[in-house]
Amino acid sequence: MTAAVSWEPLTLADDQLPTASDLADPFLAEPLLRGAATVCWLAVGAWLLDRPRRRPQR
């Protein structure tokens, strides 16, 4: 996760490095894969909104 987060600022410093979206474009060019990625993105977002904020204390 740290590598993914630090990649974008690194690409801002060096114009020769591709951004994460540049790397994902060939993968997401296929409509079926783009749809599956969208469904996964929405599922993760729903999980983040629905997850409990704190663990119940015993």
PDB file of N, CA and C in Angstrom:
ATOM      1  N   MET A   1       0.824  -1.190   0.000  1.00  0.00           N
ATOM      2  CA  MET A   1       0.000   0.000   0.000  1.00  0.00           C
ATOM      3  C   MET A   1       0.871   1.258   0.000  1.00  0.00           C
ATOM      4  N   THR A   2       1.941   1.214   0.761  1.00  0.00           N
ATOM      5  CA  THR A   2       2.841   2.364   0.823  1.00  0.00           C
ATOM      6  C   THR A   2       3.463   2.637  -0.536  1.00  0.00           C
ATOM      7  N   ALA A   3       3.792   1.579  -1.252  1.00  0.00           N
ATOM      8  CA  ALA A   3       4.383   1.756  -2.584  1.00  0.00           C
ATOM      9  C   ALA A   3       3.395   2.426  -3.526  1.00  0.00           C
ATOM     10  N   ALA A   4       2.131   2.029  -3.458  1.00  0.00           N
ATOM     11  CA  ALA A   4       1.117   2.618  -4.329  1.00  0.00           C
ATOM     12  C   ALA A   4       0.891   4.091  -4.001  1.00  0.00           C
ATOM     13  N   VAL A   5       0.885   4.421  -2.723  1.00  0.00           N
ATOM     14  CA  VAL A   5       0.663   5.814  -2.310  1.00  0.00           C
ATOM     15  C   VAL A   5       1.863   6.683  -2.656  1.00  0.00           C
ATOM     16  N   SER A   6       3.060   6.152  -2.526  1.00  0.00           N
ATOM     17  CA  SER A   6       4.245   6.958  -2.807  1.00  0.00           C
ATOM     18  C   SER A   6       4.552   7.046  -4.301  1.00  0.00           C
ATOM     19  N   TRP A   7       3.932   6.214  -5.116  1.00  0.00           N
ATOM     20  CA  TRP A   7       4.201   6.227  -6.551  1.00  0.00           C
ATOM     21  C   TRP A   7       3.743   7.530  -7.201  1.00  0.00           C
ATOM     22  N   GLU A   8       2.575   8.027  -6.855  1.00  0.00           N
ATOM     23  CA  GLU A   8       2.035   9.215  -7.510  1.00  0.00           C
ATOM     24  C   GLU A   8       2.904  10.457  -7.278  1.00  0.00           C
ATOM     25  N   PRO A   9       3.330  10.766  -6.066  1.00  0.00           N
ATOM     26  CA  PRO A   9       4.229  11.925  -5.930  1.00  0.00           C
ATOM     27  C   PRO A   9       5.549  11.744  -6.676  1.00  0.00           C
ATOM     28  N   LEU A  10       6.001  10.504  -6.758  1.00  0.00           N
ATOM     29  CA  LEU A  10       7.231  10.234  -7.507  1.00  0.00           C
ATOM     30  C   LEU A  10       7.033  10.536  -8.989  1.00  0.00           C
ATOM     31  N   THR A  11       5.869  10.215  -9.530  1.00  0.00           N
ATOM     32  CA  THR A  11       5.608  10.498 -10.943  1.00  0.00           C
ATOM     33  C   THR A  11       5.476  11.990 -11.217  1.00  0.00           C
ATOM     34  N   LEU A  12       5.075  12.753 -10.193  1.00  0.00           N
ATOM     35  CA  LEU A  12       5.032  14.205 -10.364  1.00  0.00           C
ATOM     36  C   LEU A  12       6.429  14.794 -10.489  1.00  0.00           C
ATOM     37  N   ALA A  13       7.380  14.150  -9.825  1.00  0.00           N
ATOM     38  CA  ALA A  13       8.757  14.642  -9.862  1.00  0.00           C
ATOM     39  C   ALA A  13       9.476  14.241 -11.143  1.00  0.00           C
ATOM     40  N   ASP A  14       9.097  13.113 -11.733  1.00  0.00           N
ATOM     41  CA  ASP A  14       9.770  12.607 -12.928  1.00  0.00           C
ATOM     42  C   ASP A  14       8.739  12.371 -14.027  1.00  0.00           C
ATOM     43  N   ASP A  15       8.804  13.170 -15.086  1.00  0.00           N
ATOM     44  CA  ASP A  15       7.818  13.067 -16.167  1.00  0.00           C
ATOM     45  C   ASP A  15       7.945  11.791 -16.989  1.00  0.00           C
ATOM     46  N   GLN A  16       9.035  11.081 -16.863  1.00  0.00           N
ATOM     47  CA  GLN A  16       9.242   9.853 -17.642  1.00  0.00           C
ATOM     48  C   GLN A  16       8.530   8.642 -17.029  1.00  0.00           C
ATOM     49  N   LEU A  17       8.159   8.722 -15.761  1.00  0.00           N
ATOM     50  CA  LEU A  17       7.492   7.599 -15.100  1.00  0.00           C
ATOM     51  C   LEU A  17       5.990   7.633 -15.371  1.00  0.00           C
ATOM     52  N   PRO A  18       5.392   6.477 -15.648  1.00  0.00           N
ATOM     53  CA  PRO A  18       3.943   6.444 -15.875  1.00  0.00           C
ATOM     54  C   PRO A  18       3.181   6.518 -14.555  1.00  0.00           C
ATOM     55  N   THR A  19       2.025   7.162 -14.586  1.00  0.00           N
ATOM     56  CA  THR A  19       1.177   7.220 -13.400  1.00  0.00           C
ATOM     57  C   THR A  19       0.421   5.907 -13.252  1.00  0.00           C
ATOM     58  N   ALA A  20      -0.244   5.736 -12.117  1.00  0.00           N
ATOM     59  CA  ALA A  20      -1.022   4.519 -11.884  1.00  0.00           C
ATOM     60  C   ALA A  20      -2.138   4.383 -12.920  1.00  0.00           C
ATOM     61  N   SER A  21      -2.757   5.484 -13.296  1.00  0.00           N
ATOM     62  CA  SER A  21      -3.813   5.415 -14.301  1.00  0.00           C
ATOM     63  C   SER A  21      -3.254   5.057 -15.675  1.00  0.00           C
ATOM     64  N   ASP A  22      -2.043   5.509 -15.990  1.00  0.00           N
ATOM     65  CA  ASP A  22      -1.399   5.103 -17.244  1.00  0.00           C
ATOM     66  C   ASP A  22      -1.137   3.599 -17.270  1.00  0.00           C
ATOM     67  N   LEU A  23      -0.756   3.055 -16.125  1.00  0.00           N
ATOM     68  CA  LEU A  23      -0.494   1.616 -16.044  1.00  0.00           C
ATOM     69  C   LEU A  23      -1.789   0.803 -16.105  1.00  0.00           C
ATOM     70  N   ALA A  24      -2.882   1.360 -15.619  1.00  0.00           N
ATOM     71  CA  ALA A  24      -4.154   0.639 -15.595  1.00  0.00           C
ATOM     72  C   ALA A  24      -4.917   0.745 -16.918  1.00  0.00           C
ATOM     73  N   ASP A  25      -4.608   1.728 -17.754  1.00  0.00           N
ATOM     74  CA  ASP A  25      -5.346   1.934 -19.007  1.00  0.00           C
ATOM     75  C   ASP A  25      -5.394   0.702 -19.907  1.00  0.00           C
ATOM     76  N   PRO A  26      -4.301   0.006 -20.165  1.00  0.00           N
ATOM     77  CA  PRO A  26      -4.400  -1.172 -21.026  1.00  0.00           C
ATOM     78  C   PRO A  26      -5.290  -2.263 -20.415  1.00  0.00           C
ATOM     79  N   PHE A  27      -5.238  -2.423 -19.112  1.00  0.00           N
ATOM     80  CA  PHE A  27      -6.064  -3.414 -18.436  1.00  0.00           C
ATOM     81  C   PHE A  27      -7.548  -3.043 -18.506  1.00  0.00           C
ATOM     82  N   LEU A  28      -7.843  -1.759 -18.319  1.00  0.00           N
ATOM     83  CA  LEU A  28      -9.233  -1.311 -18.273  1.00  0.00           C
ATOM     84  C   LEU A  28      -9.799  -0.956 -19.649  1.00  0.00           C
ATOM     85  N   ALA A  29      -9.057  -1.188 -20.707  1.00  0.00           N
ATOM     86  CA  ALA A  29      -9.562  -0.911 -22.048  1.00  0.00           C
ATOM     87  C   ALA A  29     -10.665  -1.893 -22.442  1.00  0.00           C
ATOM     88  N   GLU A  30     -10.606  -3.088 -21.913  1.00  0.00           N
ATOM     89  CA  GLU A  30     -11.626  -4.104 -22.185  1.00  0.00           C
ATOM     90  C   GLU A  30     -12.888  -3.777 -21.375  1.00  0.00           C
ATOM     91  N   PRO A  31     -14.044  -3.628 -22.043  1.00  0.00           N
ATOM     92  CA  PRO A  31     -15.263  -3.235 -21.322  1.00  0.00           C
ATOM     93  C   PRO A  31     -15.669  -4.198 -20.194  1.00  0.00           C
ATOM     94  N   LEU A  32     -15.479  -5.479 -20.387  1.00  0.00           N
ATOM     95  CA  LEU A  32     -15.855  -6.440 -19.352  1.00  0.00           C
ATOM     96  C   LEU A  32     -14.977  -6.257 -18.107  1.00  0.00           C
ATOM     97  N   LEU A  33     -13.695  -6.066 -18.314  1.00  0.00           N
ATOM     98  CA  LEU A  33     -12.798  -5.836 -17.183  1.00  0.00           C
ATOM     99  C   LEU A  33     -13.068  -4.493 -16.514  1.00  0.00           C
ATOM    100  N   ARG A  34     -13.415  -3.491 -17.307  1.00  0.00           N
ATOM    101  CA  ARG A  34     -13.748  -2.185 -16.736  1.00  0.00           C
ATOM    102  C   ARG A  34     -15.005  -2.289 -15.877  1.00  0.00           C
ATOM    103  N   GLY A  35     -15.991  -3.049 -16.344  1.00  0.00           N
ATOM    104  CA  GLY A  35     -17.202  -3.251 -15.555  1.00  0.00           C
ATOM    105  C   GLY A  35     -16.919  -3.990 -14.263  1.00  0.00           C
ATOM    106  N   ALA A  36     -16.079  -5.035 -14.328  1.00  0.00           N
ATOM    107  CA  ALA A  36     -15.731  -5.793 -13.125  1.00  0.00           C
ATOM    108  C   ALA A  36     -14.961  -4.908 -12.146  1.00  0.00           C
ATOM    109  N   ALA A  37     -14.059  -4.087 -12.646  1.00  0.00           N
ATOM    110  CA  ALA A  37     -13.304  -3.188 -11.771  1.00  0.00           C
ATOM    111  C   ALA A  37     -14.234  -2.162 -11.118  1.00  0.00           C
ATOM    112  N   THR A  38     -15.227  -1.689 -11.850  1.00  0.00           N
ATOM    113  CA  THR A  38     -16.182  -0.736 -11.299  1.00  0.00           C
ATOM    114  C   THR A  38     -17.011  -1.374 -10.197  1.00  0.00           C
ATOM    115  N   VAL A  39     -17.460  -2.607 -10.420  1.00  0.00           N
ATOM    116  CA  VAL A  39     -18.235  -3.315  -9.398  1.00  0.00           C
ATOM    117  C   VAL A  39     -17.384  -3.534  -8.148  1.00  0.00           C
ATOM    118  N   CYS A  40     -16.131  -3.915  -8.322  1.00  0.00           N
ATOM    119  CA  CYS A  40     -15.229  -4.103  -7.176  1.00  0.00           C
ATOM    120  C   CYS A  40     -15.007  -2.784  -6.448  1.00  0.00           C
ATOM    121  N   TRP A  41     -14.825  -1.710  -7.195  1.00  0.00           N
ATOM    122  CA  TRP A  41     -14.606  -0.385  -6.600  1.00  0.00           C
ATOM    123  C   TRP A  41     -15.822   0.026  -5.762  1.00  0.00           C
ATOM    124  N   LEU A  42     -17.016  -0.207  -6.294  1.00  0.00           N
ATOM    125  CA  LEU A  42     -18.233   0.127  -5.565  1.00  0.00           C
ATOM    126  C   LEU A  42     -18.408  -0.759  -4.333  1.00  0.00           C
ATOM    127  N   ALA A  43     -18.065  -2.044  -4.446  1.00  0.00           N
ATOM    128  CA  ALA A  43     -18.176  -2.960  -3.306  1.00  0.00           C
ATOM    129  C   ALA A  43     -17.227  -2.544  -2.184  1.00  0.00           C
ATOM    130  N   VAL A  44     -16.010  -2.160  -2.525  1.00  0.00           N
ATOM    131  CA  VAL A  44     -15.061  -1.705  -1.506  1.00  0.00           C
ATOM    132  C   VAL A  44     -15.567  -0.414  -0.869  1.00  0.00           C
ATOM    133  N   GLY A  45     -16.116   0.479  -1.664  1.00  0.00           N
ATOM    134  CA  GLY A  45     -16.669   1.722  -1.114  1.00  0.00           C
ATOM    135  C   GLY A  45     -17.828   1.459  -0.178  1.00  0.00           C
ATOM    136  N   ALA A  46     -18.719   0.537  -0.548  1.00  0.00           N
ATOM    137  CA  ALA A  46     -19.840   0.181   0.329  1.00  0.00           C
ATOM    138  C   ALA A  46     -19.334  -0.452   1.619  1.00  0.00           C
ATOM    139  N   TRP A  47     -18.311  -1.293   1.513  1.00  0.00           N
ATOM    140  CA  TRP A  47     -17.745  -1.914   2.706  1.00  0.00           C
ATOM    141  C   TRP A  47     -17.138  -0.863   3.623  1.00  0.00           C
ATOM    142  N   LEU A  48     -16.430   0.102   3.046  1.00  0.00           N
ATOM    143  CA  LEU A  48     -15.829   1.154   3.861  1.00  0.00           C
ATOM    144  C   LEU A  48     -16.887   1.988   4.584  1.00  0.00           C
ATOM    145  N   LEU A  49     -18.016   2.230   3.935  1.00  0.00           N
ATOM    146  CA  LEU A  49     -19.078   3.003   4.565  1.00  0.00           C
ATOM    147  C   LEU A  49     -19.817   2.193   5.623  1.00  0.00           C
ATOM    148  N   ASP A  50     -19.897   0.885   5.450  1.00  0.00           N
ATOM    149  CA  ASP A  50     -20.702   0.038   6.315  1.00  0.00           C
ATOM    150  C   ASP A  50     -19.924  -0.581   7.472  1.00  0.00           C
ATOM    151  N   ARG A  51     -18.614  -0.562   7.423  1.00  0.00           N
ATOM    152  CA  ARG A  51     -17.835  -1.243   8.451  1.00  0.00           C
ATOM    153  C   ARG A  51     -18.001  -0.536   9.791  1.00  0.00           C
ATOM    154  N   PRO A  52     -17.903  -1.297  10.863  1.00  0.00           N
ATOM    155  CA  PRO A  52     -18.029  -0.676  12.183  1.00  0.00           C
ATOM    156  C   PRO A  52     -16.860   0.266  12.468  1.00  0.00           C
ATOM    157  N   ARG A  53     -17.136   1.352  13.135  1.00  0.00           N
ATOM    158  CA  ARG A  53     -16.112   2.357  13.411  1.00  0.00           C
ATOM    159  C   ARG A  53     -15.208   1.929  14.556  1.00  0.00           C
ATOM    160  N   ARG A  54     -15.778   1.324  15.575  1.00  0.00           N
ATOM    161  CA  ARG A  54     -15.006   0.906  16.741  1.00  0.00           C
ATOM    162  C   ARG A  54     -15.382  -0.510  17.105  1.00  0.00           C
ATOM    163  N   ARG A  55     -14.450  -1.178  17.692  1.00  0.00           N
ATOM    164  CA  ARG A  55     -14.725  -2.544  18.152  1.00  0.00           C
ATOM    165  C   ARG A  55     -15.499  -2.473  19.464  1.00  0.00           C
ATOM    166  N   PRO A  56     -16.492  -3.318  19.599  1.00  0.00           N
ATOM    167  CA  PRO A  56     -17.239  -3.287  20.868  1.00  0.00           C
ATOM    168  C   PRO A  56     -16.345  -3.758  22.018  1.00  0.00           C
ATOM    169  N   GLN A  57     -16.459  -3.080  23.155  1.00  0.00           N
ATOM    170  CA  GLN A  57     -15.657  -3.450  24.314  1.00  0.00           C
ATOM    171  C   GLN A  57     -16.363  -4.544  25.095  1.00  0.00           C
ATOM    172  N   ARG A  58     -15.558  -5.436  25.625  1.00  0.00           N
ATOM    173  CA  ARG A  58     -16.147  -6.569  26.363  1.00  0.00           C
ATOM    174  C   ARG A  58     -16.214  -6.293  27.826  1.00  0.00           C
TER     175      ARG A  58
END
